[in-house]
Protein backbone atom coordinates (compact mmCIF):
# COMPACT_ATOMS: atom_id res chain seq x y z
CA MET A 1 -3.30 -24.88 140.35
CA ARG A 2 -1.62 -21.69 141.23
CA ASP A 3 1.66 -22.78 139.94
CA GLY A 4 0.06 -23.89 136.71
CA LEU A 5 -1.64 -20.57 136.10
CA PHE A 6 1.52 -18.68 136.94
CA GLN A 7 3.47 -20.64 134.40
CA LEU A 8 0.81 -19.96 131.69
CA ASN A 9 0.84 -16.20 132.35
CA ARG A 10 4.59 -16.16 132.19
CA ILE A 11 4.58 -18.00 128.84
CA ASN A 12 1.97 -15.55 127.47
CA ASN A 13 4.01 -12.54 128.51
CA LEU A 14 7.11 -13.97 126.84
CA LEU A 15 5.20 -14.46 123.61
CA VAL A 16 3.94 -10.90 123.60
CA ILE A 17 7.41 -9.52 124.17
CA ASN A 18 8.92 -11.67 121.39
CA LEU A 19 6.22 -10.63 118.93
CA ALA A 20 6.84 -6.94 119.69
CA CYS A 21 10.57 -7.35 119.12
CA PHE A 22 10.03 -9.18 115.82
CA ARG A 23 7.72 -6.48 114.60
CA LYS A 24 10.22 -3.80 115.39
CA LYS A 25 13.01 -5.60 113.60
CA LEU A 26 10.80 -6.19 110.59
CA ILE A 27 9.97 -2.49 110.27
CA MET A 28 13.58 -1.55 110.68
CA ASN A 29 14.68 -4.00 107.89
CA PHE A 30 11.92 -2.95 105.47
CA VAL A 31 12.74 0.74 105.41
CA PRO A 32 16.27 0.34 103.80
CA VAL A 33 14.91 -2.12 101.25
CA SER A 34 12.15 0.27 100.13
CA LYS A 35 14.71 3.01 99.81
CA GLN A 36 16.88 0.86 97.65
CA LEU A 37 13.90 -0.09 95.40
CA GLY A 38 12.98 3.59 94.99
CA ARG A 39 16.54 4.50 93.98
CA PHE A 40 16.55 1.61 91.42
CA ALA A 41 13.24 2.77 89.95
CA VAL A 42 14.57 6.38 89.60
CA THR A 43 17.72 5.05 87.88
CA ILE A 44 15.66 3.08 85.36
CA ALA A 45 13.44 6.08 84.53
CA ALA A 46 16.44 8.32 84.03
CA ALA A 47 18.07 5.83 81.72
CA THR A 48 14.85 5.58 79.72
CA LEU A 49 14.56 9.31 79.35
CA MET A 50 18.18 9.60 78.34
CA GLY A 51 17.72 6.80 75.75
CA ALA A 52 14.69 8.60 74.25
CA CYS A 53 16.63 11.82 73.77
CA SER A 54 19.77 10.22 72.28
CA LYS A 55 20.23 9.60 68.46
CA PRO A 56 19.80 6.07 67.03
CA ALA A 57 22.97 4.24 66.09
CA VAL A 58 23.78 4.38 62.36
CA THR A 59 24.17 1.03 60.69
CA GLU A 60 26.90 0.88 58.12
CA GLU A 61 26.08 -0.24 54.52
CA PRO A 62 27.46 -3.72 53.99
CA ILE A 63 30.34 -4.06 51.57
CA ARG A 64 29.06 -6.14 48.68
CA ALA A 65 31.16 -8.39 46.56
CA VAL A 66 30.75 -7.69 42.84
CA LYS A 67 31.75 -9.59 39.75
CA LEU A 68 33.75 -7.49 37.36
CA LEU A 69 34.52 -7.55 33.67
CA THR A 70 37.44 -5.65 32.14
CA VAL A 71 36.26 -3.77 29.05
CA GLY A 72 37.98 -4.82 25.83
CA THR A 73 37.27 -5.12 22.15
CA ALA A 74 36.03 -8.32 20.50
CA ALA A 75 34.88 -9.37 17.01
CA THR A 76 31.18 -9.52 16.23
CA GLN A 77 29.97 -13.06 15.70
CA SER A 78 26.28 -12.80 14.72
CA THR A 79 25.04 -12.35 11.21
CA LEU A 80 22.01 -10.39 9.96
CA GLU A 81 19.44 -12.67 8.41
CA TYR A 82 15.99 -11.94 6.99
CA ALA A 83 13.15 -14.42 6.83
CA ALA A 84 11.94 -14.83 3.25
CA GLU A 85 9.63 -16.97 1.09
CA VAL A 86 10.02 -18.55 -2.32
CA LYS A 87 7.40 -17.13 -4.72
CA PRO A 88 6.78 -17.47 -8.44
CA ARG A 89 8.08 -14.76 -10.74
CA VAL A 90 4.60 -14.44 -12.41
CA GLU A 91 1.34 -15.28 -10.57
CA SER A 92 -1.91 -14.82 -12.48
CA ARG A 93 -5.51 -14.46 -11.29
CA LEU A 94 -7.79 -15.86 -13.97
CA GLY A 95 -11.51 -14.99 -14.32
CA PHE A 96 -14.37 -15.03 -16.80
CA ARG A 97 -14.67 -12.29 -19.37
CA VAL A 98 -18.46 -12.35 -18.84
CA GLY A 99 -20.58 -12.59 -15.73
CA GLY A 100 -22.75 -15.55 -14.85
CA LYS A 101 -23.40 -18.36 -12.40
CA LEU A 102 -20.54 -20.71 -11.75
CA THR A 103 -21.61 -24.25 -12.58
CA GLN A 104 -18.36 -26.17 -12.55
CA ARG A 105 -14.97 -25.86 -10.95
CA LEU A 106 -12.62 -28.55 -12.10
CA VAL A 107 -9.34 -27.76 -10.24
CA ALA A 108 -8.22 -27.48 -6.66
CA VAL A 109 -5.38 -25.79 -4.78
CA GLY A 110 -2.04 -27.47 -5.40
CA GLN A 111 -3.10 -29.10 -8.64
CA ARG A 112 -0.86 -28.83 -11.66
CA VAL A 113 -2.51 -27.57 -14.86
CA LYS A 114 -1.41 -27.33 -18.50
CA ALA A 115 -1.99 -24.57 -20.97
CA GLY A 116 -5.47 -24.83 -22.48
CA GLN A 117 -6.86 -27.01 -19.71
CA LEU A 118 -10.48 -26.29 -18.66
CA LEU A 119 -10.59 -24.80 -15.19
CA ALA A 120 -14.20 -23.72 -14.61
CA GLN A 121 -17.45 -22.94 -16.41
CA ILE A 122 -20.47 -20.75 -16.02
CA ASP A 123 -24.06 -21.20 -17.25
CA PRO A 124 -23.90 -20.52 -21.02
CA GLN A 125 -27.67 -20.50 -21.73
CA ASP A 126 -28.07 -16.72 -21.84
CA LEU A 127 -24.94 -16.30 -23.88
CA GLN A 128 -26.12 -18.93 -26.43
CA LEU A 129 -29.47 -17.20 -26.74
CA GLY A 130 -27.65 -13.91 -27.40
CA ALA A 131 -25.59 -15.56 -30.13
CA ALA A 132 -28.73 -16.96 -31.72
CA ALA A 133 -30.34 -13.54 -31.74
CA ALA A 134 -27.30 -12.05 -33.35
CA ALA A 135 -27.36 -14.75 -36.06
CA ALA A 136 -31.01 -13.91 -36.86
CA GLN A 137 -30.16 -10.28 -37.16
CA VAL A 138 -27.44 -11.16 -39.66
CA GLN A 139 -29.99 -13.08 -41.73
CA ALA A 140 -32.37 -10.13 -41.69
CA ALA A 141 -29.65 -7.70 -42.70
CA ARG A 142 -28.51 -9.99 -45.51
CA THR A 143 -32.08 -10.10 -46.91
CA ASN A 144 -32.36 -6.34 -46.87
CA ARG A 145 -29.03 -6.01 -48.56
CA ASP A 146 -30.00 -8.48 -51.33
CA LEU A 147 -33.28 -6.58 -51.92
CA ALA A 148 -31.44 -3.29 -52.13
CA ALA A 149 -28.92 -4.80 -54.52
CA ALA A 150 -31.71 -6.08 -56.81
CA ASP A 151 -33.42 -2.66 -56.82
CA PHE A 152 -30.14 -0.95 -57.65
CA LYS A 153 -29.55 -3.35 -60.53
CA ARG A 154 -33.04 -2.60 -62.05
CA TYR A 155 -32.76 1.13 -61.69
CA GLN A 156 -29.31 1.00 -63.23
CA ALA A 157 -30.75 -0.71 -66.34
CA LEU A 158 -33.51 1.95 -66.49
CA LYS A 159 -30.89 4.73 -66.28
CA GLU A 160 -29.09 3.25 -69.21
CA GLN A 161 -32.33 3.57 -71.18
CA ASN A 162 -32.80 7.11 -69.90
CA PHE A 163 -36.15 6.23 -68.27
CA ILE A 164 -34.95 7.67 -64.87
CA GLY A 165 -32.75 10.43 -63.81
CA ALA A 166 -29.29 10.16 -62.18
CA ALA A 167 -30.66 11.32 -58.77
CA GLU A 168 -32.97 8.35 -58.50
CA LEU A 169 -30.14 5.94 -59.29
CA GLU A 170 -27.97 7.57 -56.60
CA ARG A 171 -30.73 7.08 -54.00
CA ARG A 172 -30.90 3.41 -54.83
CA GLU A 173 -27.11 3.15 -54.59
CA ALA A 174 -27.20 4.79 -51.12
CA THR A 175 -29.88 2.35 -50.01
CA LEU A 176 -27.70 -0.52 -51.08
CA LYS A 177 -24.70 0.79 -49.26
CA SER A 178 -26.76 1.27 -46.05
CA ALA A 179 -28.11 -2.27 -46.27
CA GLN A 180 -24.58 -3.59 -46.70
CA ALA A 181 -23.37 -1.62 -43.67
CA GLN A 182 -26.26 -3.01 -41.57
CA LEU A 183 -25.25 -6.50 -42.69
CA ASP A 184 -21.63 -5.90 -41.69
CA GLN A 185 -22.80 -4.60 -38.25
CA ALA A 186 -25.00 -7.66 -37.70
CA GLN A 187 -22.21 -9.98 -38.59
CA ALA A 188 -19.87 -8.27 -36.16
CA GLN A 189 -22.50 -8.50 -33.44
CA ARG A 190 -23.00 -12.15 -34.22
CA ASN A 191 -19.20 -12.74 -33.90
CA LEU A 192 -19.18 -10.84 -30.59
CA GLN A 193 -22.07 -12.89 -29.17
CA GLY A 194 -20.36 -16.05 -30.35
CA ASN A 195 -17.19 -15.15 -28.58
CA GLN A 196 -19.05 -14.37 -25.36
CA ALA A 197 -20.70 -17.75 -25.51
CA GLY A 198 -17.20 -19.24 -25.74
CA TYR A 199 -16.14 -17.17 -22.69
CA ALA A 200 -18.46 -19.31 -20.54
CA ALA A 201 -15.54 -21.77 -20.22
CA LEU A 202 -12.40 -20.71 -18.37
CA HIS A 203 -9.14 -22.23 -19.71
CA ALA A 204 -5.57 -21.94 -18.37
CA ASP A 205 -3.39 -19.63 -20.38
CA VAL A 206 -0.11 -21.17 -19.23
CA SER A 207 1.13 -24.24 -17.36
CA GLY A 208 1.59 -23.92 -13.66
CA VAL A 209 0.25 -24.76 -10.18
CA VAL A 210 -3.07 -23.62 -8.73
CA THR A 211 -2.25 -21.58 -5.65
CA ALA A 212 -5.71 -20.29 -4.77
CA VAL A 213 -9.43 -20.88 -5.58
CA LEU A 214 -11.46 -17.66 -5.23
CA ALA A 215 -14.97 -18.77 -6.22
CA GLU A 216 -17.15 -21.88 -5.59
CA ARG A 217 -19.82 -23.63 -7.53
CA GLY A 218 -23.18 -21.84 -7.45
CA GLN A 219 -21.58 -18.44 -6.92
CA VAL A 220 -22.54 -15.64 -9.34
CA VAL A 221 -19.29 -14.01 -10.53
CA ALA A 222 -18.94 -10.65 -12.27
CA ALA A 223 -17.04 -10.15 -15.50
CA GLY A 224 -13.35 -10.03 -14.72
CA GLY A 225 -13.75 -11.33 -11.15
CA PRO A 226 -10.87 -13.66 -10.15
CA VAL A 227 -11.81 -17.39 -9.90
CA VAL A 228 -8.51 -19.28 -9.90
CA GLN A 229 -4.94 -18.17 -9.11
CA ILE A 230 -2.11 -19.91 -10.97
CA ALA A 231 1.62 -19.68 -10.33
CA GLN A 232 3.33 -19.98 -13.66
CA ASP A 233 6.13 -22.42 -14.22
CA GLY A 234 9.57 -20.93 -14.71
CA ALA A 235 11.71 -18.47 -12.81
CA ARG A 236 11.15 -17.97 -9.11
CA ASP A 237 11.96 -15.21 -6.64
CA VAL A 238 12.82 -14.96 -2.98
CA VAL A 239 10.84 -12.19 -1.37
CA PHE A 240 11.60 -10.53 1.97
CA ALA A 241 11.11 -7.22 3.78
CA VAL A 242 13.91 -4.87 4.92
CA PRO A 243 13.49 -2.04 7.53
CA GLU A 244 14.15 1.46 6.40
CA ASP A 245 17.42 1.77 8.34
CA LYS A 246 18.95 -1.13 6.38
CA VAL A 247 17.48 -0.66 2.89
CA GLY A 248 20.15 1.81 1.97
CA ALA A 249 22.82 -0.90 2.15
CA ILE A 250 21.05 -3.05 -0.46
CA ARG A 251 21.47 -2.23 -4.16
CA LEU A 252 20.01 -3.66 -7.36
CA GLY A 253 22.22 -6.40 -8.64
CA SER A 254 23.99 -6.91 -5.31
CA GLU A 255 24.75 -10.45 -4.20
CA VAL A 256 22.98 -12.21 -1.34
CA THR A 257 23.15 -15.62 0.15
CA VAL A 258 19.94 -17.67 0.30
CA LYS A 259 19.77 -20.48 2.85
CA SER A 260 17.06 -23.14 2.88
CA TRP A 261 15.47 -23.67 6.27
CA SER A 262 14.69 -27.34 5.69
CA SER A 263 17.80 -28.62 4.02
CA GLY A 264 20.35 -25.94 4.99
CA MET A 265 21.53 -25.62 1.39
CA ARG A 266 23.03 -22.24 0.45
CA VAL A 267 22.97 -20.60 -3.00
CA LYS A 268 24.06 -17.27 -4.38
CA ALA A 269 21.47 -14.92 -5.92
CA LEU A 270 21.13 -11.34 -7.10
CA VAL A 271 18.72 -8.60 -6.06
CA ARG A 272 16.24 -8.16 -8.92
CA GLU A 273 13.78 -5.64 -7.58
CA LEU A 274 13.74 -3.13 -4.73
CA ALA A 275 10.53 -1.36 -3.71
CA ALA A 276 10.55 2.39 -4.25
CA SER A 277 8.22 3.06 -1.26
CA ALA A 278 7.56 1.51 2.05
CA ASP A 279 4.67 -0.73 2.80
CA PRO A 280 1.89 1.43 4.31
CA VAL A 281 1.24 -1.07 7.09
CA THR A 282 4.59 -2.57 8.07
CA ARG A 283 6.73 0.44 6.92
CA THR A 284 9.28 -2.00 5.43
CA PHE A 285 10.65 -2.20 1.89
CA THR A 286 10.00 -5.36 -0.22
CA VAL A 287 13.08 -6.89 -1.90
CA LYS A 288 12.92 -9.60 -4.57
CA VAL A 289 15.89 -11.82 -5.32
CA ALA A 290 16.07 -13.84 -8.53
CA LEU A 291 16.90 -17.50 -8.16
CA ALA A 292 18.77 -19.32 -10.91
CA ALA A 293 16.75 -21.62 -13.19
CA LYS A 294 18.51 -24.63 -11.76
CA ASP A 295 17.44 -23.70 -8.18
CA ASP A 296 13.88 -25.12 -8.50
CA TRP A 297 12.87 -24.73 -4.82
CA PRO A 298 9.31 -25.53 -3.80
CA LEU A 299 6.88 -22.60 -3.84
CA GLY A 300 6.22 -21.22 -0.37
CA SER A 301 9.47 -22.60 1.09
CA THR A 302 10.86 -20.74 4.07
CA VAL A 303 14.37 -19.46 3.50
CA SER A 304 16.81 -17.04 5.09
CA VAL A 305 18.53 -14.26 3.19
CA LEU A 306 21.93 -12.86 4.17
CA PRO A 307 22.64 -9.64 2.25
CA ALA A 308 26.36 -8.99 1.85
CA GLY A 309 25.92 -5.23 2.25
CA VAL A 310 24.62 -5.30 5.82
CA GLN A 311 26.98 -7.91 7.35
CA HIS A 312 29.57 -6.76 9.90
CA THR A 313 31.03 -10.08 11.04
CA GLY A 314 34.56 -9.76 12.38
CA VAL A 315 34.39 -5.99 13.23
CA GLN A 316 36.15 -5.14 16.52
CA VAL A 317 33.62 -3.65 18.96
CA ILE A 318 33.05 -3.31 22.73
CA LYS A 319 30.55 -5.92 23.92
CA LEU A 320 28.94 -6.41 27.31
CA PRO A 321 26.62 -9.05 28.69
CA THR A 322 22.99 -7.98 29.08
CA SER A 323 23.26 -8.56 32.88
CA ALA A 324 25.54 -5.47 33.15
CA LEU A 325 22.92 -3.06 31.80
CA LEU A 326 20.99 -0.75 34.09
CA ALA A 327 18.10 1.54 33.17
CA GLN A 328 18.83 5.14 34.07
CA GLY A 329 16.00 7.51 33.19
CA GLN A 330 15.50 7.35 29.47
CA GLY A 331 18.95 5.90 28.80
CA THR A 332 21.18 2.94 29.71
CA ALA A 333 24.08 2.87 32.15
CA VAL A 334 26.54 0.47 33.75
CA TRP A 335 28.36 0.43 37.12
CA VAL A 336 32.10 1.24 36.79
CA LEU A 337 34.58 0.45 39.60
CA ASP A 338 36.79 3.20 40.99
CA GLU A 339 39.83 1.24 42.09
CA ALA A 340 41.24 4.03 44.28
CA SER A 341 38.19 4.19 46.58
CA MET A 342 36.76 0.77 45.81
CA THR A 343 33.42 2.35 45.06
CA VAL A 344 31.08 2.13 42.10
CA LYS A 345 29.65 4.91 40.02
CA PRO A 346 27.08 4.91 37.14
CA GLN A 347 28.40 5.35 33.63
CA PRO A 348 25.86 6.20 30.83
CA ILE A 349 26.41 4.24 27.62
CA GLN A 350 24.91 4.05 24.19
CA VAL A 351 23.84 0.64 22.87
CA ALA A 352 24.25 0.13 19.11
CA THR A 353 22.85 -3.36 18.54
CA ALA A 354 22.71 -6.86 19.86
CA ASP A 355 25.22 -9.59 19.11
CA GLY A 356 23.79 -12.89 20.28
CA ASN A 357 23.33 -12.68 24.11
CA GLU A 358 25.54 -9.55 24.29
CA VAL A 359 25.11 -5.92 23.37
CA VAL A 360 27.44 -3.80 21.28
CA VAL A 361 28.31 -0.51 23.00
CA ALA A 362 28.62 2.45 20.65
CA ALA A 363 29.77 5.07 23.15
CA GLY A 364 30.42 5.62 26.90
CA LEU A 365 33.15 3.03 27.61
CA ARG A 366 36.83 2.62 26.77
CA PRO A 367 39.04 -0.44 27.02
CA GLY A 368 40.46 -1.05 30.43
CA MET A 369 37.45 -0.04 32.50
CA GLN A 370 36.09 -2.47 35.00
CA VAL A 371 32.31 -2.97 34.75
CA VAL A 372 30.03 -4.74 37.19
CA VAL A 373 28.25 -7.62 35.41
CA ALA A 374 26.18 -9.17 38.20
CA GLY A 375 23.88 -7.74 40.85
CA VAL A 376 23.62 -4.31 39.34
CA HIS A 377 20.18 -3.64 40.75
CA VAL A 378 21.26 -3.74 44.42
CA LEU A 379 24.07 -1.20 44.16
CA ALA A 380 24.02 2.50 44.82
CA ALA A 381 26.26 5.36 43.62
CA GLY A 382 29.34 5.63 45.82
CA GLN A 383 28.80 2.36 47.55
CA LYS A 384 31.91 0.46 48.69
CA VAL A 385 32.41 -2.92 47.16
CA SER A 386 34.84 -5.76 47.10
CA ILE A 387 35.89 -7.94 44.22
CA TYR A 388 34.14 -11.27 44.10
CA LYS A 389 36.46 -14.25 43.92
CA GLU A 390 35.08 -17.64 43.04
CA LYS A 391 35.61 -20.25 45.68
CA THR A 392 37.82 -23.12 44.53
CA PRO A 393 37.16 -26.44 46.25
CA LEU A 394 40.06 -27.80 48.24
CA ALA A 395 41.80 -30.72 46.66
CA LEU A 396 41.04 -33.81 48.69
CA GLY A 397 43.86 -36.07 49.50
CA ASN A 398 43.57 -39.73 50.23
CA GLN A 399 39.88 -40.48 50.60
CA ALA A 400 40.65 -43.09 53.30
CA GLN A 401 42.09 -40.39 55.52
CA THR A 402 38.94 -38.29 55.43
CA ALA A 403 36.60 -41.14 56.09
CA PRO A 404 36.74 -40.85 59.94
CA PHE A 405 35.71 -37.17 59.75
CA ASN A 406 32.78 -37.80 57.41
CA VAL A 407 31.23 -40.74 59.32
CA ALA A 408 29.72 -40.39 62.76
CA LEU A 409 31.41 -43.14 64.82
CA LYS A 410 29.71 -44.59 67.89
CA SER A 411 32.67 -46.01 69.73
CA PRO A 412 36.45 -45.57 70.01
CA ALA A 413 36.84 -49.11 68.68
CA ALA A 414 34.87 -48.23 65.54
CA ALA A 415 37.05 -45.13 65.09
CA VAL A 416 40.23 -47.22 65.33
CA SER A 417 38.75 -49.70 62.88
CA ALA A 418 37.80 -46.99 60.43
CA ALA A 419 41.26 -45.37 60.67
CA ALA A 420 42.87 -48.75 60.04
CA ARG A 421 40.82 -49.19 56.85
């Protein structure tokens, strides 16, 4: 038993000694590691502070590739055309000379009418009653005249026998003249009322085409109110509007080309009338061109007019595509390349007009300049650029030689087979 206890105590002492040594070594090893961690933390903090105080790195603007166009002169291709309409030389609005209720309308829009044809009619009852009253007044005036004439004849016979004086005969003569005047007035009034009764029917004055109907059955129309509009047969005009900046180039008698929209046929015509003042609404000037009698084009046809005085086809001008334009304040500018520094700078220009999909430059450029025509909105003044070159596809040789590189092969045997083919 003693020996057993002695061995247990000895083992216990050895364990205590070993644990103490292990603890000492652990403490000795931990101190340098903690010092190293502290130094690393200080280094990181210093680097962070130094990074916060330093300036950020400046990124350089990328060099953009631009598409250029060398400025040169070219002939204008577009022509100046005005939309126009074929209209009759004379167009009349017909109406009744007296007022009344419209009872009949015998024509419609687009209908051809002849001179003297009945177009419309109003209720003639009141007009007929007026004519009858005027006829009765004529009868009464004639009776008075006959009575005055008989009296004058009797008194004239008495004067010849010296039974009455000359003054009495003169009074009878005056009475006869007054009765005759009243008869003449009644007859004129009867004729007037008869004419008004005839005005209840509206007839066409000339042959033509009805272009508008301005009153319907049952409507009460006033005297002179338009009821039917007729385009007279005969000469026709082409009517169009010209802005005030172009009207000065058009003269009376000048030649124009009229082109039909539907058939494309072209004819020559002369300017017949030019408005002296501008339209109060559109502020344009109306121009009328006389068509020849043989050119019987349908009324209302859409045509185009090409005045010779305002055409500038073939004139050498500087033209640019619209993609090259850049808004600069209240004006227009383009980017011009400086070949020495390979930078771009804005160049103000003045646009004169449009020529198809291009603009005509009036001032600001000269031949030989290189202008950017694509991507103008992503550039800045003084920015370095490079000249864009279109990529040309490589010419492929034998298609059989490129087949192994275009097909994903799964085995060397398949590659050999594909190369053999």
